[in-house]
Amino acid sequence: GGKENLRPFWQRYMSKALLLVFVVDSSDPELFAVVNKHLHELLALHPYLPLMVLANKQDLPGSCSITDLHDALSLSKAGDRRLFLIGTHVRKGDLELSSGVQDARNLIFQMVSDGR
């Protein structure tokens, strides 16, 4: 979770991470500056850890495009790492996963099984 009270726990889990999966509410651009700050703090501590950013809520009107989110989060400054930016949406009650969630799941499985 990304709420302020949960952030102190992040480092506890990062030491053994194979991949950082970072979920962003793409419909709330007012939070992008805070998200950018915390994301880049994590990346600085783990310079080669692969990064998967899930741009959630892509189904909502007015949500930020993938390109605009890439710019807002300064992902071009993410360093020398594998980087994935995937648009997703998850709605309560949906019986099927969106294609973005399926793609993310498949990439995570592949990266974990490869040990990268």
N, C-alpha and C. Protein backbone atom coordinates (compact mmCIF):
# COMPACT_ATOMS: atom_id res chain seq x y z
N GLY A 1 0.81 -1.19 0.00
CA GLY A 1 0.00 0.00 0.00
C GLY A 1 0.85 1.25 0.00
N GLY A 2 0.31 2.31 -0.54
CA GLY A 2 1.07 3.55 -0.66
C GLY A 2 0.70 4.63 0.34
N LYS A 3 -0.24 4.34 1.21
CA LYS A 3 -0.62 5.37 2.18
C LYS A 3 0.56 5.67 3.11
N GLU A 4 0.57 6.89 3.61
CA GLU A 4 1.69 7.38 4.39
C GLU A 4 2.05 6.47 5.57
N ASN A 5 1.06 5.92 6.25
CA ASN A 5 1.34 5.09 7.41
C ASN A 5 1.95 3.74 7.04
N LEU A 6 1.88 3.34 5.78
CA LEU A 6 2.45 2.07 5.34
C LEU A 6 3.84 2.21 4.74
N ARG A 7 4.23 3.41 4.36
CA ARG A 7 5.52 3.62 3.68
C ARG A 7 6.72 3.18 4.50
N PRO A 8 6.73 3.32 5.82
CA PRO A 8 7.90 2.85 6.58
C PRO A 8 8.17 1.35 6.41
N PHE A 9 7.18 0.58 6.01
CA PHE A 9 7.35 -0.86 5.84
C PHE A 9 7.97 -1.23 4.49
N TRP A 10 8.01 -0.29 3.56
CA TRP A 10 8.50 -0.61 2.22
C TRP A 10 9.89 -1.21 2.24
N GLN A 11 10.80 -0.60 2.98
CA GLN A 11 12.19 -1.08 2.97
C GLN A 11 12.33 -2.49 3.53
N ARG A 12 11.44 -2.87 4.39
CA ARG A 12 11.48 -4.21 4.97
C ARG A 12 11.36 -5.27 3.87
N TYR A 13 10.60 -4.97 2.84
CA TYR A 13 10.34 -5.94 1.78
C TYR A 13 11.24 -5.76 0.56
N MET A 14 11.83 -4.60 0.42
CA MET A 14 12.59 -4.31 -0.79
C MET A 14 13.90 -5.09 -0.89
N SER A 15 14.49 -5.49 0.20
CA SER A 15 15.81 -6.13 0.16
C SER A 15 15.80 -7.45 -0.61
N LYS A 16 14.67 -8.12 -0.64
CA LYS A 16 14.60 -9.41 -1.34
C LYS A 16 13.74 -9.36 -2.60
N ALA A 17 13.39 -8.16 -3.02
CA ALA A 17 12.50 -8.01 -4.17
C ALA A 17 13.19 -8.38 -5.47
N LEU A 18 12.45 -9.02 -6.36
CA LEU A 18 12.92 -9.32 -7.70
C LEU A 18 12.40 -8.29 -8.70
N LEU A 19 11.37 -7.56 -8.28
CA LEU A 19 10.69 -6.60 -9.15
C LEU A 19 9.90 -5.65 -8.26
N LEU A 20 9.91 -4.37 -8.61
CA LEU A 20 9.07 -3.41 -7.92
C LEU A 20 7.83 -3.17 -8.77
N VAL A 21 6.68 -3.53 -8.24
CA VAL A 21 5.40 -3.26 -8.91
C VAL A 21 4.79 -2.07 -8.20
N PHE A 22 4.62 -0.99 -8.93
CA PHE A 22 4.18 0.28 -8.36
C PHE A 22 2.87 0.66 -9.05
N VAL A 23 1.79 0.70 -8.30
CA VAL A 23 0.46 0.99 -8.85
C VAL A 23 0.14 2.46 -8.63
N VAL A 24 -0.29 3.11 -9.71
CA VAL A 24 -0.61 4.54 -9.68
C VAL A 24 -2.05 4.74 -10.12
N ASP A 25 -2.77 5.57 -9.39
CA ASP A 25 -4.13 5.95 -9.78
C ASP A 25 -4.00 6.98 -10.89
N SER A 26 -4.19 6.55 -12.13
CA SER A 26 -3.98 7.45 -13.27
C SER A 26 -5.11 8.47 -13.43
N SER A 27 -6.13 8.38 -12.59
CA SER A 27 -7.23 9.35 -12.68
C SER A 27 -7.07 10.49 -11.67
N ASP A 28 -5.96 10.50 -10.93
CA ASP A 28 -5.75 11.51 -9.89
C ASP A 28 -4.41 12.23 -10.06
N PRO A 29 -4.31 13.11 -11.07
CA PRO A 29 -3.03 13.77 -11.35
C PRO A 29 -2.52 14.68 -10.23
N GLU A 30 -3.39 15.06 -9.31
CA GLU A 30 -2.94 15.89 -8.19
C GLU A 30 -1.93 15.15 -7.31
N LEU A 31 -1.94 13.84 -7.35
CA LEU A 31 -1.02 13.05 -6.53
C LEU A 31 0.28 12.70 -7.25
N PHE A 32 0.40 13.02 -8.53
CA PHE A 32 1.57 12.59 -9.29
C PHE A 32 2.89 13.11 -8.73
N ALA A 33 2.92 14.32 -8.22
CA ALA A 33 4.17 14.87 -7.67
C ALA A 33 4.61 14.06 -6.45
N VAL A 34 3.67 13.69 -5.58
CA VAL A 34 4.00 12.88 -4.40
C VAL A 34 4.43 11.49 -4.83
N VAL A 35 3.71 10.92 -5.78
CA VAL A 35 4.05 9.60 -6.30
C VAL A 35 5.45 9.62 -6.89
N ASN A 36 5.75 10.63 -7.69
CA ASN A 36 7.06 10.77 -8.31
C ASN A 36 8.15 10.78 -7.25
N LYS A 37 7.96 11.57 -6.22
CA LYS A 37 8.96 11.69 -5.15
C LYS A 37 9.23 10.34 -4.49
N HIS A 38 8.19 9.65 -4.08
CA HIS A 38 8.37 8.38 -3.36
C HIS A 38 8.91 7.29 -4.28
N LEU A 39 8.45 7.27 -5.51
CA LEU A 39 8.95 6.28 -6.45
C LEU A 39 10.45 6.45 -6.66
N HIS A 40 10.90 7.67 -6.90
CA HIS A 40 12.32 7.89 -7.17
C HIS A 40 13.19 7.70 -5.92
N GLU A 41 12.64 7.89 -4.75
CA GLU A 41 13.37 7.56 -3.52
C GLU A 41 13.62 6.06 -3.44
N LEU A 42 12.61 5.26 -3.77
CA LEU A 42 12.77 3.81 -3.78
C LEU A 42 13.77 3.38 -4.85
N LEU A 43 13.66 3.97 -6.03
CA LEU A 43 14.54 3.59 -7.13
C LEU A 43 15.99 3.93 -6.83
N ALA A 44 16.24 5.03 -6.14
CA ALA A 44 17.61 5.42 -5.81
C ALA A 44 18.26 4.40 -4.88
N LEU A 45 17.48 3.80 -4.01
CA LEU A 45 18.01 2.80 -3.08
C LEU A 45 18.22 1.44 -3.73
N HIS A 46 17.59 1.22 -4.88
CA HIS A 46 17.65 -0.07 -5.58
C HIS A 46 17.85 0.21 -7.07
N PRO A 47 19.07 0.60 -7.45
CA PRO A 47 19.29 1.14 -8.79
C PRO A 47 19.12 0.16 -9.95
N TYR A 48 19.13 -1.15 -9.72
CA TYR A 48 19.00 -2.09 -10.83
C TYR A 48 17.74 -2.94 -10.77
N LEU A 49 16.92 -2.69 -9.78
CA LEU A 49 15.69 -3.46 -9.62
C LEU A 49 14.73 -3.13 -10.76
N PRO A 50 14.23 -4.14 -11.46
CA PRO A 50 13.25 -3.87 -12.52
C PRO A 50 12.01 -3.19 -11.93
N LEU A 51 11.38 -2.36 -12.75
CA LEU A 51 10.22 -1.58 -12.32
C LEU A 51 9.04 -1.83 -13.25
N MET A 52 7.90 -2.13 -12.64
CA MET A 52 6.64 -2.23 -13.38
C MET A 52 5.68 -1.22 -12.76
N VAL A 53 5.30 -0.23 -13.55
CA VAL A 53 4.32 0.76 -13.11
C VAL A 53 2.99 0.38 -13.73
N LEU A 54 2.00 0.19 -12.89
CA LEU A 54 0.65 -0.11 -13.36
C LEU A 54 -0.18 1.16 -13.26
N ALA A 55 -0.56 1.68 -14.40
CA ALA A 55 -1.39 2.89 -14.47
C ALA A 55 -2.84 2.44 -14.34
N ASN A 56 -3.32 2.40 -13.11
CA ASN A 56 -4.65 1.89 -12.84
C ASN A 56 -5.73 2.93 -13.17
N LYS A 57 -6.94 2.46 -13.31
CA LYS A 57 -8.13 3.27 -13.58
C LYS A 57 -8.10 3.91 -14.97
N GLN A 58 -7.50 3.20 -15.92
CA GLN A 58 -7.45 3.69 -17.29
C GLN A 58 -8.83 3.71 -17.94
N ASP A 59 -9.79 3.04 -17.33
CA ASP A 59 -11.14 2.99 -17.88
C ASP A 59 -11.97 4.23 -17.54
N LEU A 60 -11.47 5.07 -16.62
CA LEU A 60 -12.23 6.24 -16.21
C LEU A 60 -12.02 7.41 -17.17
N PRO A 61 -13.08 8.16 -17.43
CA PRO A 61 -12.94 9.35 -18.27
C PRO A 61 -11.96 10.33 -17.64
N GLY A 62 -11.10 10.89 -18.44
CA GLY A 62 -10.16 11.89 -17.95
C GLY A 62 -8.91 11.32 -17.30
N SER A 63 -8.75 9.99 -17.32
CA SER A 63 -7.54 9.43 -16.73
C SER A 63 -6.33 9.81 -17.60
N CYS A 64 -5.19 9.89 -16.98
CA CYS A 64 -3.96 10.30 -17.64
C CYS A 64 -3.50 9.22 -18.62
N SER A 65 -3.06 9.63 -19.78
CA SER A 65 -2.56 8.65 -20.75
C SER A 65 -1.25 8.06 -20.26
N ILE A 66 -0.87 6.95 -20.85
CA ILE A 66 0.38 6.29 -20.50
C ILE A 66 1.56 7.23 -20.77
N THR A 67 1.54 7.90 -21.89
CA THR A 67 2.63 8.81 -22.26
C THR A 67 2.74 9.96 -21.26
N ASP A 68 1.59 10.55 -20.91
CA ASP A 68 1.61 11.65 -19.94
C ASP A 68 2.04 11.17 -18.56
N LEU A 69 1.65 9.98 -18.19
CA LEU A 69 2.06 9.44 -16.89
C LEU A 69 3.57 9.17 -16.88
N HIS A 70 4.10 8.66 -17.98
CA HIS A 70 5.54 8.44 -18.10
C HIS A 70 6.28 9.75 -17.83
N ASP A 71 5.80 10.83 -18.42
CA ASP A 71 6.42 12.14 -18.21
C ASP A 71 6.22 12.64 -16.78
N ALA A 72 5.00 12.51 -16.25
CA ALA A 72 4.69 13.03 -14.91
C ALA A 72 5.50 12.33 -13.83
N LEU A 73 5.83 11.07 -14.05
CA LEU A 73 6.61 10.31 -13.07
C LEU A 73 8.10 10.32 -13.38
N SER A 74 8.49 11.07 -14.40
CA SER A 74 9.91 11.18 -14.79
C SER A 74 10.55 9.80 -14.97
N LEU A 75 9.84 8.91 -15.65
CA LEU A 75 10.35 7.55 -15.80
C LEU A 75 11.58 7.47 -16.70
N SER A 76 11.82 8.50 -17.49
CA SER A 76 13.05 8.52 -18.29
C SER A 76 14.28 8.65 -17.40
N LYS A 77 14.07 9.04 -16.14
CA LYS A 77 15.16 9.17 -15.17
C LYS A 77 15.22 7.98 -14.21
N ALA A 78 14.59 6.87 -14.59
CA ALA A 78 14.51 5.71 -13.71
C ALA A 78 15.79 4.90 -13.67
N GLY A 79 16.79 5.28 -14.45
CA GLY A 79 18.08 4.60 -14.42
C GLY A 79 18.14 3.42 -15.37
N ASP A 80 19.21 2.66 -15.20
CA ASP A 80 19.49 1.52 -16.06
C ASP A 80 18.81 0.27 -15.50
N ARG A 81 17.56 0.11 -15.83
CA ARG A 81 16.77 -1.00 -15.31
C ARG A 81 15.73 -1.39 -16.34
N ARG A 82 15.18 -2.57 -16.20
CA ARG A 82 14.04 -2.97 -17.03
C ARG A 82 12.84 -2.18 -16.52
N LEU A 83 12.09 -1.62 -17.43
CA LEU A 83 10.97 -0.76 -17.07
C LEU A 83 9.75 -1.14 -17.91
N PHE A 84 8.64 -1.31 -17.23
CA PHE A 84 7.37 -1.62 -17.88
C PHE A 84 6.33 -0.63 -17.36
N LEU A 85 5.56 -0.06 -18.25
CA LEU A 85 4.45 0.83 -17.89
C LEU A 85 3.22 0.28 -18.58
N ILE A 86 2.27 -0.18 -17.77
CA ILE A 86 1.11 -0.89 -18.31
C ILE A 86 -0.17 -0.23 -17.82
N GLY A 87 -1.06 0.06 -18.74
CA GLY A 87 -2.36 0.59 -18.39
C GLY A 87 -3.27 -0.53 -17.92
N THR A 88 -3.97 -0.30 -16.81
CA THR A 88 -4.84 -1.34 -16.25
C THR A 88 -6.14 -0.71 -15.74
N HIS A 89 -7.06 -1.57 -15.45
CA HIS A 89 -8.24 -1.17 -14.68
C HIS A 89 -8.80 -2.43 -14.02
N VAL A 90 -9.28 -2.24 -12.83
CA VAL A 90 -9.88 -3.33 -12.06
C VAL A 90 -11.16 -2.79 -11.46
N ARG A 91 -12.25 -3.46 -11.75
CA ARG A 91 -13.53 -3.04 -11.19
C ARG A 91 -14.10 -4.15 -10.34
N LYS A 92 -14.59 -3.77 -9.18
CA LYS A 92 -15.20 -4.73 -8.28
C LYS A 92 -16.35 -5.44 -9.00
N GLY A 93 -16.34 -6.73 -8.90
CA GLY A 93 -17.40 -7.52 -9.51
C GLY A 93 -17.08 -8.03 -10.90
N ASP A 94 -16.01 -7.53 -11.54
CA ASP A 94 -15.62 -8.05 -12.85
C ASP A 94 -15.17 -9.50 -12.69
N LEU A 95 -15.65 -10.35 -13.57
CA LEU A 95 -15.28 -11.76 -13.51
C LEU A 95 -13.99 -12.05 -14.26
N GLU A 96 -13.64 -11.18 -15.20
CA GLU A 96 -12.43 -11.38 -15.99
C GLU A 96 -11.45 -10.25 -15.72
N LEU A 97 -10.16 -10.59 -15.77
CA LEU A 97 -9.11 -9.59 -15.64
C LEU A 97 -8.99 -8.80 -16.93
N SER A 98 -8.72 -7.50 -16.81
CA SER A 98 -8.50 -6.69 -18.00
C SER A 98 -7.23 -7.16 -18.69
N SER A 99 -7.08 -6.83 -19.96
CA SER A 99 -5.89 -7.28 -20.70
C SER A 99 -4.62 -6.72 -20.08
N GLY A 100 -4.66 -5.49 -19.55
CA GLY A 100 -3.48 -4.92 -18.90
C GLY A 100 -3.08 -5.70 -17.66
N VAL A 101 -4.05 -6.10 -16.87
CA VAL A 101 -3.76 -6.89 -15.67
C VAL A 101 -3.22 -8.26 -16.06
N GLN A 102 -3.78 -8.85 -17.11
CA GLN A 102 -3.28 -10.14 -17.59
C GLN A 102 -1.83 -10.01 -18.07
N ASP A 103 -1.53 -8.93 -18.82
CA ASP A 103 -0.17 -8.71 -19.29
C ASP A 103 0.79 -8.54 -18.11
N ALA A 104 0.39 -7.76 -17.12
CA ALA A 104 1.22 -7.54 -15.94
C ALA A 104 1.46 -8.86 -15.21
N ARG A 105 0.42 -9.62 -15.01
CA ARG A 105 0.53 -10.91 -14.33
C ARG A 105 1.51 -11.83 -15.07
N ASN A 106 1.38 -11.90 -16.39
CA ASN A 106 2.25 -12.77 -17.16
C ASN A 106 3.71 -12.33 -17.09
N LEU A 107 3.94 -11.02 -17.14
CA LEU A 107 5.31 -10.51 -17.01
C LEU A 107 5.89 -10.80 -15.63
N ILE A 108 5.09 -10.64 -14.59
CA ILE A 108 5.55 -10.93 -13.24
C ILE A 108 5.92 -12.41 -13.12
N PHE A 109 5.07 -13.28 -13.60
CA PHE A 109 5.37 -14.71 -13.55
C PHE A 109 6.66 -15.02 -14.28
N GLN A 110 6.82 -14.42 -15.46
CA GLN A 110 8.01 -14.68 -16.26
C GLN A 110 9.27 -14.18 -15.53
N MET A 111 9.22 -12.99 -14.98
CA MET A 111 10.39 -12.42 -14.31
C MET A 111 10.74 -13.18 -13.04
N VAL A 112 9.76 -13.60 -12.29
CA VAL A 112 10.02 -14.36 -11.07
C VAL A 112 10.59 -15.74 -11.41
N SER A 113 10.05 -16.36 -12.43
CA SER A 113 10.57 -17.68 -12.80
C SER A 113 11.98 -17.59 -13.39
N ASP A 114 12.30 -16.45 -14.02
CA ASP A 114 13.65 -16.24 -14.54
C ASP A 114 14.63 -15.83 -13.45
N GLY A 115 14.10 -15.44 -12.29
CA GLY A 115 14.94 -15.01 -11.19
C GLY A 115 15.57 -13.64 -11.36
N ARG A 116 14.91 -12.78 -12.15
CA ARG A 116 15.46 -11.45 -12.42
C ARG A 116 14.72 -10.43 -11.63
